[in-house]
């Protein structure tokens, strides 16, 4: 896809300085710009690159005034970073604007699919599935029986959605995700052998949820595992059965949440965090990366460590932890001096 400077300026409501016919077909960082690429400059630390970049078009702040000659065409906007982000969204919409049904595919006769759909090759859609408008299902995806998917959703290649799952509007689920697989429920028999407990609940994903690649969300044993509206999950996250995550909470990669734990609204959870089951985490809680959460947390708590405790106390404690070798040496020295004195007194 190719775009001219005048087209981009119209989208961004920007002012062109240079050639309005300058044309681009790709994006680049300003220090790696080449002919035919579009870049942006928002951080003054990178100003020098604007004089050497070979990018054909650069988006800059209106306040930017060049100190010497520039060969690239400029598009001046109020906020270059926000404008470039807006352009990326537009570019993604155009790039991913697929429609139609590729062959081969399998769609049950009882399935209902809205207008402007895209069904990629080797996709399977089961019985009584209901899919809204402008939904894109990329190749090699599986949609089980009785699944509902709202409008404007995208399921990338290889997504597996088990039966009974409910997905809201404007959701994005990246490649390799498994939604609605059995929760980890086993009980030992009289011989100590583990038998699976049937997992007959489902998963509910509300509107505007993003789920990163290779993440898994288990179905509930009874009831529902619930991901509330606006939640953002990174790659490789495990959400166990009957977990509930409050609206607009964000969780970074490789975090695991054990069964029946309730996480509040507007929380921020770092990468590689482990959260035990059957606890409650309040609203607006912040959990630093690699922390282990073994008990419930109150609204607004900020914690770090394993087991996790107050973030400020953790930092103070860590100063002493780093100094443990010196502290140990000092203690040994004091002990030696005390022993020497004691021996002299004897």
Protein backbone atom coordinates (compact mmCIF):
# COMPACT_ATOMS: atom_id res chain seq x y z
CA UNK A 1 0.00 0.00 0.00
CA UNK A 2 1.27 3.44 -0.92
CA UNK A 3 0.26 6.77 0.58
CA UNK A 4 1.14 10.32 -0.44
CA UNK A 5 2.04 13.11 1.95
CA UNK A 6 -1.17 14.97 1.16
CA UNK A 7 -3.26 11.88 2.03
CA UNK A 8 -1.44 11.42 5.35
CA UNK A 9 -1.74 15.12 6.18
CA UNK A 10 -5.49 14.93 5.56
CA UNK A 11 -5.86 11.95 7.94
CA UNK A 12 -3.80 13.69 10.65
CA UNK A 13 -5.06 17.23 9.98
CA UNK A 14 -1.43 18.26 9.59
CA UNK A 15 0.51 20.90 7.66
CA UNK A 16 2.88 19.84 4.87
CA UNK A 17 6.34 21.36 4.59
CA UNK A 18 7.87 20.02 1.41
CA UNK A 19 6.54 17.84 -1.40
CA UNK A 20 2.83 16.94 -1.03
CA UNK A 21 3.31 14.21 -3.66
CA UNK A 22 6.05 12.42 -1.66
CA UNK A 23 5.06 8.76 -1.45
CA UNK A 24 5.65 6.09 1.21
CA UNK A 25 4.88 2.38 1.43
CA UNK A 26 6.42 1.40 4.78
CA UNK A 27 7.25 2.65 8.27
CA UNK A 28 10.66 3.10 9.87
CA UNK A 29 12.47 4.42 12.93
CA UNK A 30 13.99 7.82 12.25
CA UNK A 31 17.58 6.56 12.63
CA UNK A 32 16.89 3.77 10.12
CA UNK A 33 14.77 5.72 7.63
CA UNK A 34 15.12 4.94 3.94
CA UNK A 35 13.56 6.17 0.72
CA UNK A 36 9.86 5.31 0.57
CA UNK A 37 9.42 5.11 4.33
CA UNK A 38 7.46 7.21 6.84
CA UNK A 39 8.90 8.09 10.25
CA UNK A 40 8.20 10.46 13.13
CA UNK A 41 10.07 12.69 15.56
CA UNK A 42 8.69 13.52 19.00
CA UNK A 43 11.73 13.24 21.30
CA UNK A 44 14.21 16.15 20.93
CA UNK A 45 17.07 13.71 21.69
CA UNK A 46 16.59 12.37 18.15
CA UNK A 47 16.52 15.76 16.37
CA UNK A 48 19.92 15.19 14.75
CA UNK A 49 18.63 12.14 12.85
CA UNK A 50 16.12 14.30 10.99
CA UNK A 51 18.97 15.95 9.09
CA UNK A 52 20.45 12.63 7.94
CA UNK A 53 17.44 10.33 7.60
CA UNK A 54 16.54 9.13 4.12
CA UNK A 55 12.87 8.69 5.04
CA UNK A 56 10.59 10.32 2.47
CA UNK A 57 8.14 11.72 5.03
CA UNK A 58 8.54 12.59 8.72
CA UNK A 59 5.81 13.56 11.18
CA UNK A 60 6.97 16.28 13.59
CA UNK A 61 5.51 18.58 16.23
CA UNK A 62 4.32 22.00 15.08
CA UNK A 63 6.83 23.57 17.44
CA UNK A 64 9.77 21.99 15.59
CA UNK A 65 11.93 24.49 13.69
CA UNK A 66 14.84 23.04 11.66
CA UNK A 67 18.31 24.45 12.30
CA UNK A 68 19.58 23.46 8.86
CA UNK A 69 18.34 22.10 5.54
CA UNK A 70 16.14 18.99 5.56
CA UNK A 71 15.55 16.83 2.50
CA UNK A 72 12.56 14.86 3.84
CA UNK A 73 8.99 16.13 3.59
CA UNK A 74 7.58 17.16 6.97
CA UNK A 75 4.02 16.86 8.23
CA UNK A 76 3.56 19.16 11.22
CA UNK A 77 0.97 18.18 13.86
CA UNK A 78 0.12 19.12 17.45
CA UNK A 79 1.55 15.88 18.90
CA UNK A 80 3.77 13.76 16.65
CA UNK A 81 3.67 10.68 18.87
CA UNK A 82 -0.14 10.61 19.08
CA UNK A 83 -0.43 11.34 15.37
CA UNK A 84 1.90 8.47 14.49
CA UNK A 85 -0.10 6.15 16.77
CA UNK A 86 -3.29 7.23 15.00
CA UNK A 87 -1.65 6.49 11.67
CA UNK A 88 -0.59 3.04 12.87
CA UNK A 89 -4.20 2.29 13.81
CA UNK A 90 -5.36 3.44 10.38
CA UNK A 91 -2.63 1.38 8.69
CA UNK A 92 -3.66 -1.71 10.67
CA UNK A 93 -7.30 -1.24 9.73
CA UNK A 94 -6.43 -1.02 6.04
CA UNK A 95 -3.94 -3.90 6.17
CA UNK A 96 -6.32 -6.21 8.03
CA UNK A 97 -9.45 -5.23 6.13
CA UNK A 98 -10.09 -8.73 4.83
CA UNK A 99 -13.51 -10.05 3.85
CA UNK A 100 -14.93 -13.28 2.48
CA UNK A 101 -14.39 -16.97 3.12
CA UNK A 102 -11.29 -18.84 2.10
CA UNK A 103 -11.37 -22.51 1.19
CA UNK A 104 -11.29 -25.04 2.65
CA UNK A 105 -13.33 -24.19 5.75
CA UNK A 106 -16.06 -25.90 7.78
CA UNK A 107 -19.09 -23.97 9.03
CA UNK A 108 -22.05 -25.75 10.63
CA UNK A 109 -25.44 -25.10 9.04
CA UNK A 110 -26.79 -23.87 12.38
CA UNK A 111 -24.07 -21.21 12.76
CA UNK A 112 -25.06 -17.57 12.27
CA UNK A 113 -22.44 -15.16 10.95
CA UNK A 114 -22.88 -11.39 10.50
CA UNK A 115 -21.97 -9.26 7.49
CA UNK A 116 -18.44 -8.29 6.39
CA UNK A 117 -16.93 -11.42 7.91
CA UNK A 118 -13.55 -12.95 7.11
CA UNK A 119 -13.15 -16.69 7.58
CA UNK A 120 -9.61 -17.91 6.90
CA UNK A 121 -8.68 -21.23 5.35
CA UNK A 122 -8.89 -24.39 7.49
CA UNK A 123 -11.08 -22.69 10.08
CA UNK A 124 -13.82 -24.67 11.85
CA UNK A 125 -17.05 -23.14 13.19
CA UNK A 126 -19.31 -25.46 15.18
CA UNK A 127 -23.01 -25.88 15.81
CA UNK A 128 -25.17 -22.98 17.05
CA UNK A 129 -22.32 -20.50 16.92
CA UNK A 130 -23.35 -16.85 16.74
CA UNK A 131 -20.85 -14.37 15.26
CA UNK A 132 -21.48 -10.63 14.89
CA UNK A 133 -20.61 -8.23 12.09
CA UNK A 134 -17.12 -7.36 10.86
CA UNK A 135 -15.51 -10.33 12.63
CA UNK A 136 -12.23 -11.67 11.30
CA UNK A 137 -11.25 -15.27 11.98
CA UNK A 138 -7.81 -16.06 10.60
CA UNK A 139 -6.71 -19.46 9.22
CA UNK A 140 -6.49 -22.63 11.32
CA UNK A 141 -8.86 -21.36 14.01
CA UNK A 142 -11.41 -23.44 15.90
CA UNK A 143 -14.74 -22.14 17.23
CA UNK A 144 -16.61 -24.76 19.29
CA UNK A 145 -20.34 -25.34 19.61
CA UNK A 146 -22.59 -22.68 21.16
CA UNK A 147 -19.92 -19.98 21.14
CA UNK A 148 -21.03 -16.35 20.79
CA UNK A 149 -18.75 -13.63 19.41
CA UNK A 150 -19.78 -9.96 19.21
CA UNK A 151 -19.11 -7.34 16.54
CA UNK A 152 -15.70 -6.11 15.35
CA UNK A 153 -13.65 -8.94 16.86
CA UNK A 154 -10.43 -10.38 15.47
CA UNK A 155 -9.21 -13.90 16.17
CA UNK A 156 -5.76 -14.41 14.70
CA UNK A 157 -4.37 -17.62 13.26
CA UNK A 158 -4.56 -20.74 15.41
CA UNK A 159 -6.93 -19.45 18.11
CA UNK A 160 -8.99 -22.20 19.77
CA UNK A 161 -12.29 -21.24 21.41
CA UNK A 162 -13.98 -24.12 23.24
CA UNK A 163 -17.74 -24.60 23.46
CA UNK A 164 -20.07 -22.27 25.38
CA UNK A 165 -17.55 -19.39 25.45
CA UNK A 166 -19.01 -15.87 25.22
CA UNK A 167 -16.92 -13.09 23.67
CA UNK A 168 -18.12 -9.46 23.57
CA UNK A 169 -17.59 -6.67 21.03
CA UNK A 170 -14.28 -5.20 19.84
CA UNK A 171 -12.09 -7.98 21.22
CA UNK A 172 -8.73 -9.03 19.84
CA UNK A 173 -7.34 -12.52 20.51
CA UNK A 174 -3.86 -13.25 19.20
CA UNK A 175 -2.39 -16.41 17.71
CA UNK A 176 -2.13 -19.57 19.75
CA UNK A 177 -4.62 -18.58 22.47
CA UNK A 178 -6.82 -21.28 23.98
CA UNK A 179 -10.07 -20.03 25.50
CA UNK A 180 -12.31 -22.35 27.51
CA UNK A 181 -10.12 -25.41 27.98
CA UNK A 182 -10.71 -27.51 31.11
CA UNK A 183 -9.69 -26.04 34.44
CA UNK A 184 -7.07 -27.92 36.45
CA UNK A 185 -9.50 -29.89 38.59
CA UNK A 186 -8.52 -33.32 39.92
CA UNK A 187 -9.32 -35.26 43.10
CA UNK A 188 -7.46 -38.29 44.48
CA UNK A 189 -9.32 -41.59 44.92
CA UNK A 190 -8.78 -44.15 47.67
CA UNK A 191 -5.62 -45.35 45.88
CA UNK A 192 -4.14 -41.87 45.63
CA UNK A 193 -4.77 -41.73 41.88
CA UNK A 194 -6.10 -38.45 40.50
CA UNK A 195 -9.39 -38.34 38.65
CA UNK A 196 -10.58 -35.36 36.62
CA UNK A 197 -13.52 -33.33 37.92
CA UNK A 198 -15.80 -32.44 34.98
CA UNK A 199 -15.46 -28.77 34.10
CA UNK A 200 -18.94 -27.79 32.92
CA UNK A 201 -18.78 -23.98 33.27
CA UNK A 202 -17.66 -21.54 30.59
CA UNK A 203 -15.59 -18.42 29.88
CA UNK A 204 -17.10 -14.95 29.50
CA UNK A 205 -14.99 -12.23 27.87
CA UNK A 206 -16.61 -8.80 27.87
CA UNK A 207 -16.12 -5.90 25.41
CA UNK A 208 -12.80 -4.32 24.38
CA UNK A 209 -10.57 -7.09 25.72
CA UNK A 210 -7.14 -7.84 24.20
CA UNK A 211 -5.46 -11.20 24.80
CA UNK A 212 -1.83 -11.78 23.79
CA UNK A 213 -0.39 -14.76 21.94
CA UNK A 214 -0.31 -18.22 23.55
CA UNK A 215 -2.33 -17.20 26.58
CA UNK A 216 -4.86 -19.63 28.08
CA UNK A 217 -8.10 -18.99 29.93
CA UNK A 218 -9.70 -22.06 31.53
CA UNK A 219 -13.42 -22.66 31.72
CA UNK A 220 -15.05 -22.71 35.15
CA UNK A 221 -15.82 -25.90 37.02
CA UNK A 222 -19.29 -24.43 37.60
CA UNK A 223 -20.38 -20.92 36.64
CA UNK A 224 -17.98 -18.76 34.64
CA UNK A 225 -14.42 -17.58 34.37
CA UNK A 226 -14.92 -13.86 33.67
CA UNK A 227 -12.69 -11.29 31.97
CA UNK A 228 -14.37 -7.90 32.39
CA UNK A 229 -14.43 -5.11 29.81
CA UNK A 230 -11.23 -3.35 28.82
CA UNK A 231 -8.86 -5.96 30.30
CA UNK A 232 -5.51 -6.28 28.52
CA UNK A 233 -3.58 -9.55 28.83
CA UNK A 234 -0.03 -9.93 27.52
CA UNK A 235 1.44 -13.05 25.89
CA UNK A 236 1.77 -16.40 27.68
CA UNK A 237 -0.59 -15.75 30.58
CA UNK A 238 -2.49 -18.50 32.42
CA UNK A 239 -5.91 -17.70 33.88
CA UNK A 240 -7.33 -20.65 35.82
CA UNK A 241 -10.92 -21.82 36.34
CA UNK A 242 -13.44 -19.50 38.01
CA UNK A 243 -11.04 -16.53 38.09
CA UNK A 244 -12.60 -13.09 37.67
CA UNK A 245 -10.56 -10.12 36.42
CA UNK A 246 -12.06 -6.65 36.92
CA UNK A 247 -12.46 -4.06 34.19
CA UNK A 248 -9.45 -2.25 32.73
CA UNK A 249 -6.88 -4.35 34.56
CA UNK A 250 -3.61 -5.00 32.70
CA UNK A 251 -1.39 -8.06 33.21
CA UNK A 252 2.10 -8.55 31.75
CA UNK A 253 3.61 -11.69 30.26
CA UNK A 254 4.09 -15.07 31.97
CA UNK A 255 1.81 -14.33 34.90
CA UNK A 256 -0.31 -17.15 36.32
CA UNK A 257 -3.53 -16.75 38.32
CA UNK A 258 -4.77 -19.83 40.21
CA UNK A 259 -8.39 -20.90 40.49
CA UNK A 260 -11.25 -18.87 41.98
CA UNK A 261 -9.16 -15.75 42.65
CA UNK A 262 -10.91 -12.40 42.14
CA UNK A 263 -8.85 -9.49 40.79
CA UNK A 264 -10.26 -5.97 41.03
CA UNK A 265 -10.57 -3.09 38.58
CA UNK A 266 -7.76 -0.92 37.17
CA UNK A 267 -5.01 -3.16 38.56
CA UNK A 268 -1.49 -3.33 37.07
CA UNK A 269 0.27 -6.68 37.37
CA UNK A 270 3.86 -7.14 36.19
CA UNK A 271 5.43 -10.06 34.35
CA UNK A 272 6.10 -13.47 35.89
CA UNK A 273 3.81 -12.87 38.84
CA UNK A 274 2.32 -15.91 40.58
CA UNK A 275 -1.05 -15.52 42.32
CA UNK A 276 -2.47 -18.30 44.49
CA UNK A 277 -6.09 -19.39 44.32
CA UNK A 278 -9.14 -18.41 46.37
CA UNK A 279 -7.97 -14.90 47.31
CA UNK A 280 -9.25 -11.40 46.52
CA UNK A 281 -7.14 -8.59 45.08
CA UNK A 282 -8.66 -5.13 45.46
CA UNK A 283 -9.06 -2.29 42.95
CA UNK A 284 -6.10 -0.25 41.65
CA UNK A 285 -3.56 -2.68 43.09
CA UNK A 286 -0.04 -2.69 41.64
CA UNK A 287 2.05 -5.85 41.73
CA UNK A 288 5.69 -5.60 40.66
CA UNK A 289 7.25 -8.20 38.33
CA UNK A 290 8.24 -11.64 39.66
CA UNK A 291 6.23 -11.26 42.84
CA UNK A 292 4.48 -14.13 44.60
CA UNK A 293 1.02 -13.29 45.94
CA UNK A 294 -0.09 -15.66 48.69
CA UNK A 295 -2.81 -13.64 50.41
CA UNK A 296 -5.55 -11.13 49.64
CA UNK A 297 -4.62 -7.49 48.91
CA UNK A 298 -6.57 -4.34 49.76
CA UNK A 299 -7.55 -1.54 47.35
CA UNK A 300 -4.55 0.52 46.28
CA UNK A 301 -1.86 -1.85 47.64
CA UNK A 302 1.53 -1.69 45.90
CA UNK A 303 3.60 -4.82 46.54
CA UNK A 304 6.75 -6.63 45.49
CA UNK A 305 8.69 -9.74 46.45
CA UNK A 306 8.03 -13.40 47.24
CA UNK A 307 6.08 -13.52 49.42
CA UNK A 308 5.05 -10.02 48.38
CA UNK A 309 4.87 -7.11 50.81
CA UNK A 310 4.68 -3.31 50.68
CA UNK A 311 6.72 -1.93 47.77
CA UNK A 312 8.35 0.86 49.81
CA UNK A 313 9.32 -1.57 52.58
CA UNK A 314 10.66 -3.98 49.96
CA UNK A 315 13.00 -1.32 48.55
CA UNK A 316 14.27 -0.41 52.03
CA UNK A 317 14.80 -4.09 52.85
CA UNK A 318 16.58 -4.71 49.56
CA UNK A 319 19.21 -2.10 50.43
CA UNK A 320 20.08 -4.17 53.50
CA UNK A 321 19.90 -7.39 51.52
CA UNK A 322 22.49 -6.12 49.03
CA UNK A 323 24.72 -5.21 51.96
CA UNK A 324 24.40 -8.59 53.70
CA UNK A 325 27.98 -9.70 52.87
CA UNK A 326 29.41 -6.51 54.39
CA UNK A 327 27.06 -6.75 57.38
CA UNK A 328 28.10 -10.40 57.94
CA UNK A 329 31.79 -9.43 57.72
CA UNK A 330 31.26 -6.64 60.26
CA UNK A 331 29.42 -8.98 62.64
CA UNK A 332 32.20 -11.58 62.40
CA UNK A 333 34.77 -8.88 63.07
CA UNK A 334 32.87 -7.66 66.16
CA UNK A 335 32.48 -11.25 67.40
CA UNK A 336 36.21 -11.86 66.96
CA UNK A 337 37.08 -8.66 68.89
CA UNK A 338 34.67 -9.58 71.70
CA UNK A 339 36.15 -13.09 71.93
CA UNK A 340 39.67 -11.64 72.05
CA UNK A 341 38.71 -9.26 74.87
CA UNK A 342 36.97 -12.03 76.77
CA UNK A 343 40.03 -14.27 76.51
CA UNK A 344 42.30 -11.48 77.83
CA UNK A 345 39.98 -10.84 80.78
CA UNK A 346 40.09 -14.54 81.66
